[in-house]
């Protein structure tokens, strides 16, 4: 049982799981904001044009439905209603969330491309032996720090082997 909890802790502490948890919490908060925007801002404006509360609109598919003096919906036995107003409200929620996510992903991809182009330019300068600015030197150090020690060791071994081959050919 102890091994189970140890494995579970290792699983939870992985970066991806923590990122996912943070993303879920932020997503829930964002969803609440979008729902409030739609319910409290957009739907009342649409209601003005429609001259009523759109989210409570429905079609009676079977039976009868009426609103009593207290504003309660009274249905006949076996009445079936289709709440198209709620559906419209959810479509608007979906479109706003979808548009926002599209913009975020598009910006992330654009920034990733720019970062990759900067890295390629930096590598080109390093290979060409050009002088680097302070910002470029700092970026080079950060890039090196991102690479794990194992990969750096493997690269050193590779370079050493290549030098040995070059010496043997001479």
C-alpha atoms as a PDB file:
ATOM      1  CA  UNK A   1       0.000   0.000   0.000  1.00  0.00           C
ATOM      2  CA  UNK A   2       2.890   2.314   0.786  1.00  0.00           C
ATOM      3  CA  UNK A   3       4.257   1.802  -2.750  1.00  0.00           C
ATOM      4  CA  UNK A   4       0.861   2.771  -4.186  1.00  0.00           C
ATOM      5  CA  UNK A   5       0.897   6.124  -2.393  1.00  0.00           C
ATOM      6  CA  UNK A   6       4.536   6.685  -3.333  1.00  0.00           C
ATOM      7  CA  UNK A   7       3.700   6.081  -7.007  1.00  0.00           C
ATOM      8  CA  UNK A   8       0.595   8.248  -6.735  1.00  0.00           C
ATOM      9  CA  UNK A   9       2.630  11.091  -5.206  1.00  0.00           C
ATOM     10  CA  UNK A  10       5.199  10.815  -8.012  1.00  0.00           C
ATOM     11  CA  UNK A  11       2.382  10.901 -10.574  1.00  0.00           C
ATOM     12  CA  UNK A  12       0.726  13.956  -9.013  1.00  0.00           C
ATOM     13  CA  UNK A  13       3.985  15.852  -8.642  1.00  0.00           C
ATOM     14  CA  UNK A  14       4.832  15.542 -12.312  1.00  0.00           C
ATOM     15  CA  UNK A  15       4.706  18.870 -14.096  1.00  0.00           C
ATOM     16  CA  UNK A  16       2.027  17.860 -16.595  1.00  0.00           C
ATOM     17  CA  UNK A  17      -0.462  16.824 -13.918  1.00  0.00           C
ATOM     18  CA  UNK A  18       0.064  20.043 -11.975  1.00  0.00           C
ATOM     19  CA  UNK A  19      -0.283  22.065 -15.182  1.00  0.00           C
ATOM     20  CA  UNK A  20      -3.489  20.202 -15.963  1.00  0.00           C
ATOM     21  CA  UNK A  21      -4.879  20.906 -12.485  1.00  0.00           C
ATOM     22  CA  UNK A  22      -4.059  24.603 -12.772  1.00  0.00           C
ATOM     23  CA  UNK A  23      -5.584  24.651 -16.250  1.00  0.00           C
ATOM     24  CA  UNK A  24      -8.791  23.039 -14.985  1.00  0.00           C
ATOM     25  CA  UNK A  25      -9.129  25.579 -12.165  1.00  0.00           C
ATOM     26  CA  UNK A  26      -8.468  28.510 -14.479  1.00  0.00           C
ATOM     27  CA  UNK A  27     -10.865  26.992 -17.033  1.00  0.00           C
ATOM     28  CA  UNK A  28     -13.631  26.731 -14.437  1.00  0.00           C
ATOM     29  CA  UNK A  29     -13.077  30.348 -13.401  1.00  0.00           C
ATOM     30  CA  UNK A  30     -13.052  31.429 -17.054  1.00  0.00           C
ATOM     31  CA  UNK A  31     -16.264  29.481 -17.650  1.00  0.00           C
ATOM     32  CA  UNK A  32     -17.922  31.347 -14.752  1.00  0.00           C
ATOM     33  CA  UNK A  33     -16.844  34.661 -16.267  1.00  0.00           C
ATOM     34  CA  UNK A  34     -18.192  33.728 -19.702  1.00  0.00           C
ATOM     35  CA  UNK A  35     -21.492  32.509 -18.223  1.00  0.00           C
ATOM     36  CA  UNK A  36     -21.850  35.793 -16.363  1.00  0.00           C
ATOM     37  CA  UNK A  37     -21.035  37.759 -19.521  1.00  0.00           C
ATOM     38  CA  UNK A  38     -23.657  35.854 -21.482  1.00  0.00           C
ATOM     39  CA  UNK A  39     -26.344  35.642 -18.765  1.00  0.00           C
ATOM     40  CA  UNK A  40     -25.944  39.091 -17.237  1.00  0.00           C
ATOM     41  CA  UNK A  41     -24.809  41.237 -20.167  1.00  0.00           C
ATOM     42  CA  UNK A  42     -25.558  39.740 -23.581  1.00  0.00           C
ATOM     43  CA  UNK A  43     -28.848  37.940 -22.955  1.00  0.00           C
ATOM     44  CA  UNK A  44     -30.556  41.017 -21.446  1.00  0.00           C
ATOM     45  CA  UNK A  45     -29.520  43.022 -24.528  1.00  0.00           C
ATOM     46  CA  UNK A  46     -30.870  40.268 -26.783  1.00  0.00           C
ATOM     47  CA  UNK A  47     -33.974  40.228 -24.550  1.00  0.00           C
ATOM     48  CA  UNK A  48     -34.501  43.942 -25.245  1.00  0.00           C
ATOM     49  CA  UNK A  49     -34.573  43.243 -28.961  1.00  0.00           C
ATOM     50  CA  UNK A  50     -36.793  40.212 -28.409  1.00  0.00           C
ATOM     51  CA  UNK A  51     -38.914  42.045 -25.820  1.00  0.00           C
ATOM     52  CA  UNK A  52     -38.620  39.347 -23.163  1.00  0.00           C
ATOM     53  CA  UNK A  53     -36.276  36.968 -21.351  1.00  0.00           C
ATOM     54  CA  UNK A  54     -34.890  34.838 -24.152  1.00  0.00           C
ATOM     55  CA  UNK A  55     -33.317  32.218 -21.857  1.00  0.00           C
ATOM     56  CA  UNK A  56     -36.758  31.187 -20.552  1.00  0.00           C
ATOM     57  CA  UNK A  57     -38.325  30.837 -24.002  1.00  0.00           C
ATOM     58  CA  UNK A  58     -39.675  27.440 -24.987  1.00  0.00           C
ATOM     59  CA  UNK A  59     -41.836  25.639 -27.498  1.00  0.00           C
ATOM     60  CA  UNK A  60     -44.615  23.363 -26.309  1.00  0.00           C
ATOM     61  CA  UNK A  61     -44.211  20.063 -28.134  1.00  0.00           C
ATOM     62  CA  UNK A  62     -47.036  18.232 -26.372  1.00  0.00           C
ATOM     63  CA  UNK A  63     -49.704  19.282 -23.900  1.00  0.00           C
ATOM     64  CA  UNK A  64     -50.156  22.821 -22.634  1.00  0.00           C
ATOM     65  CA  UNK A  65     -48.060  25.248 -20.643  1.00  0.00           C
ATOM     66  CA  UNK A  66     -49.071  28.545 -19.090  1.00  0.00           C
ATOM     67  CA  UNK A  67     -47.641  31.061 -16.652  1.00  0.00           C
ATOM     68  CA  UNK A  68     -49.775  31.712 -13.559  1.00  0.00           C
ATOM     69  CA  UNK A  69     -50.143  35.055 -11.763  1.00  0.00           C
ATOM     70  CA  UNK A  70     -47.051  34.378  -9.584  1.00  0.00           C
ATOM     71  CA  UNK A  71     -44.890  33.786 -12.655  1.00  0.00           C
ATOM     72  CA  UNK A  72     -44.712  30.011 -12.224  1.00  0.00           C
ATOM     73  CA  UNK A  73     -44.909  27.711 -15.208  1.00  0.00           C
ATOM     74  CA  UNK A  74     -47.947  25.424 -15.010  1.00  0.00           C
ATOM     75  CA  UNK A  75     -47.823  22.327 -17.218  1.00  0.00           C
ATOM     76  CA  UNK A  76     -50.564  19.909 -18.161  1.00  0.00           C
ATOM     77  CA  UNK A  77     -50.049  16.201 -17.523  1.00  0.00           C
ATOM     78  CA  UNK A  78     -47.526  14.788 -19.994  1.00  0.00           C
ATOM     79  CA  UNK A  79     -46.488  18.211 -21.298  1.00  0.00           C
ATOM     80  CA  UNK A  80     -43.168  18.297 -23.143  1.00  0.00           C
ATOM     81  CA  UNK A  81     -41.284  21.562 -23.604  1.00  0.00           C
ATOM     82  CA  UNK A  82     -38.255  22.427 -25.718  1.00  0.00           C
ATOM     83  CA  UNK A  83     -36.305  25.275 -24.078  1.00  0.00           C
ATOM     84  CA  UNK A  84     -34.743  26.846 -27.147  1.00  0.00           C
ATOM     85  CA  UNK A  85     -33.754  29.970 -25.187  1.00  0.00           C
ATOM     86  CA  UNK A  86     -31.442  28.006 -22.904  1.00  0.00           C
ATOM     87  CA  UNK A  87     -29.960  26.283 -25.940  1.00  0.00           C
ATOM     88  CA  UNK A  88     -29.290  29.653 -27.586  1.00  0.00           C
ATOM     89  CA  UNK A  89     -27.641  30.847 -24.385  1.00  0.00           C
ATOM     90  CA  UNK A  90     -25.356  27.785 -24.323  1.00  0.00           C
ATOM     91  CA  UNK A  91     -24.456  28.270 -27.989  1.00  0.00           C
ATOM     92  CA  UNK A  92     -23.363  31.831 -27.203  1.00  0.00           C
ATOM     93  CA  UNK A  93     -21.304  30.515 -24.234  1.00  0.00           C
ATOM     94  CA  UNK A  94     -19.644  27.968 -26.512  1.00  0.00           C
ATOM     95  CA  UNK A  95     -18.862  30.507 -29.239  1.00  0.00           C
ATOM     96  CA  UNK A  96     -17.234  32.932 -26.793  1.00  0.00           C
ATOM     97  CA  UNK A  97     -15.136  30.191 -25.150  1.00  0.00           C
ATOM     98  CA  UNK A  98     -14.199  28.747 -28.546  1.00  0.00           C
ATOM     99  CA  UNK A  99     -13.186  32.141 -29.921  1.00  0.00           C
ATOM    100  CA  UNK A 100     -11.110  32.896 -26.832  1.00  0.00           C
ATOM    101  CA  UNK A 101      -9.329  29.535 -26.969  1.00  0.00           C
ATOM    102  CA  UNK A 102      -8.698  29.983 -30.694  1.00  0.00           C
ATOM    103  CA  UNK A 103      -7.056  33.355 -30.056  1.00  0.00           C
ATOM    104  CA  UNK A 104      -4.961  31.986 -27.164  1.00  0.00           C
ATOM    105  CA  UNK A 105      -3.739  28.983 -29.179  1.00  0.00           C
ATOM    106  CA  UNK A 106      -3.011  31.156 -32.197  1.00  0.00           C
ATOM    107  CA  UNK A 107      -0.947  33.574 -30.097  1.00  0.00           C
ATOM    108  CA  UNK A 108       0.899  30.691 -28.406  1.00  0.00           C
ATOM    109  CA  UNK A 109       1.816  29.180 -31.776  1.00  0.00           C
ATOM    110  CA  UNK A 110       2.955  32.575 -33.062  1.00  0.00           C
ATOM    111  CA  UNK A 111       5.154  33.149 -29.981  1.00  0.00           C
ATOM    112  CA  UNK A 112       6.565  29.641 -30.273  1.00  0.00           C
ATOM    113  CA  UNK A 113       7.491  30.281 -33.930  1.00  0.00           C
ATOM    114  CA  UNK A 114       9.152  33.590 -33.012  1.00  0.00           C
ATOM    115  CA  UNK A 115      11.107  31.908 -30.223  1.00  0.00           C
ATOM    116  CA  UNK A 116      12.222  29.139 -32.581  1.00  0.00           C
ATOM    117  CA  UNK A 117      13.293  31.698 -35.199  1.00  0.00           C
ATOM    118  CA  UNK A 118      15.330  33.533 -32.542  1.00  0.00           C
ATOM    119  CA  UNK A 119      16.988  30.260 -31.527  1.00  0.00           C
ATOM    120  CA  UNK A 120      17.834  29.444 -35.146  1.00  0.00           C
ATOM    121  CA  UNK A 121      19.305  32.916 -35.660  1.00  0.00           C
ATOM    122  CA  UNK A 122      21.288  32.563 -32.428  1.00  0.00           C
ATOM    123  CA  UNK A 123      22.634  29.171 -33.523  1.00  0.00           C
ATOM    124  CA  UNK A 124      23.546  30.610 -36.917  1.00  0.00           C
ATOM    125  CA  UNK A 125      25.501  33.405 -35.241  1.00  0.00           C
ATOM    126  CA  UNK A 126      27.271  30.979 -32.922  1.00  0.00           C
ATOM    127  CA  UNK A 127      28.234  28.675 -35.810  1.00  0.00           C
ATOM    128  CA  UNK A 128      29.394  31.630 -37.907  1.00  0.00           C
ATOM    129  CA  UNK A 129      31.475  32.905 -34.996  1.00  0.00           C
ATOM    130  CA  UNK A 130      29.712  36.257 -34.941  1.00  0.00           C
ATOM    131  CA  UNK A 131      29.771  38.377 -31.818  1.00  0.00           C
ATOM    132  CA  UNK A 132      26.685  38.083 -29.623  1.00  0.00           C
ATOM    133  CA  UNK A 133      24.901  40.875 -27.800  1.00  0.00           C
ATOM    134  CA  UNK A 134      24.438  40.650 -24.026  1.00  0.00           C
ATOM    135  CA  UNK A 135      20.795  39.627 -24.488  1.00  0.00           C
ATOM    136  CA  UNK A 136      21.804  36.896 -26.929  1.00  0.00           C
ATOM    137  CA  UNK A 137      24.495  35.616 -24.534  1.00  0.00           C
ATOM    138  CA  UNK A 138      21.937  35.483 -21.726  1.00  0.00           C
ATOM    139  CA  UNK A 139      19.504  33.628 -24.003  1.00  0.00           C
ATOM    140  CA  UNK A 140      22.287  31.187 -24.901  1.00  0.00           C
ATOM    141  CA  UNK A 141      22.910  30.503 -21.206  1.00  0.00           C
ATOM    142  CA  UNK A 142      19.167  30.003 -20.586  1.00  0.00           C
ATOM    143  CA  UNK A 143      18.957  27.634 -23.546  1.00  0.00           C
ATOM    144  CA  UNK A 144      21.884  25.628 -22.248  1.00  0.00           C
ATOM    145  CA  UNK A 145      20.287  25.469 -18.803  1.00  0.00           C
ATOM    146  CA  UNK A 146      17.092  24.092 -20.369  1.00  0.00           C
ATOM    147  CA  UNK A 147      19.016  21.122 -21.756  1.00  0.00           C
ATOM    148  CA  UNK A 148      19.393  18.326 -19.224  1.00  0.00           C
ATOM    149  CA  UNK A 149      22.808  17.315 -17.928  1.00  0.00           C
ATOM    150  CA  UNK A 150      22.429  13.890 -19.537  1.00  0.00           C
ATOM    151  CA  UNK A 151      21.994  15.403 -22.978  1.00  0.00           C
ATOM    152  CA  UNK A 152      24.976  17.695 -22.446  1.00  0.00           C
ATOM    153  CA  UNK A 153      27.092  14.697 -21.410  1.00  0.00           C
ATOM    154  CA  UNK A 154      25.968  12.738 -24.467  1.00  0.00           C
ATOM    155  CA  UNK A 155      26.844  15.698 -26.701  1.00  0.00           C
ATOM    156  CA  UNK A 156      30.312  15.931 -25.141  1.00  0.00           C
ATOM    157  CA  UNK A 157      30.856  12.213 -25.773  1.00  0.00           C
ATOM    158  CA  UNK A 158      29.681  12.604 -29.376  1.00  0.00           C
ATOM    159  CA  UNK A 159      31.979  15.578 -29.964  1.00  0.00           C
ATOM    160  CA  UNK A 160      34.893  13.729 -28.380  1.00  0.00           C
ATOM    161  CA  UNK A 161      34.306  10.707 -30.609  1.00  0.00           C
ATOM    162  CA  UNK A 162      34.126  12.939 -33.683  1.00  0.00           C
ATOM    163  CA  UNK A 163      37.445  14.561 -32.720  1.00  0.00           C
ATOM    164  CA  UNK A 164      39.013  11.118 -32.216  1.00  0.00           C
ATOM    165  CA  UNK A 165      37.855  10.045 -35.687  1.00  0.00           C
ATOM    166  CA  UNK A 166      39.278  13.232 -37.185  1.00  0.00           C
ATOM    167  CA  UNK A 167      42.624  12.639 -35.460  1.00  0.00           C
ATOM    168  CA  UNK A 168      42.715   9.000 -36.636  1.00  0.00           C
ATOM    169  CA  UNK A 169      42.095  10.057 -40.261  1.00  0.00           C
ATOM    170  CA  UNK A 170      45.081  12.410 -40.171  1.00  0.00           C
END
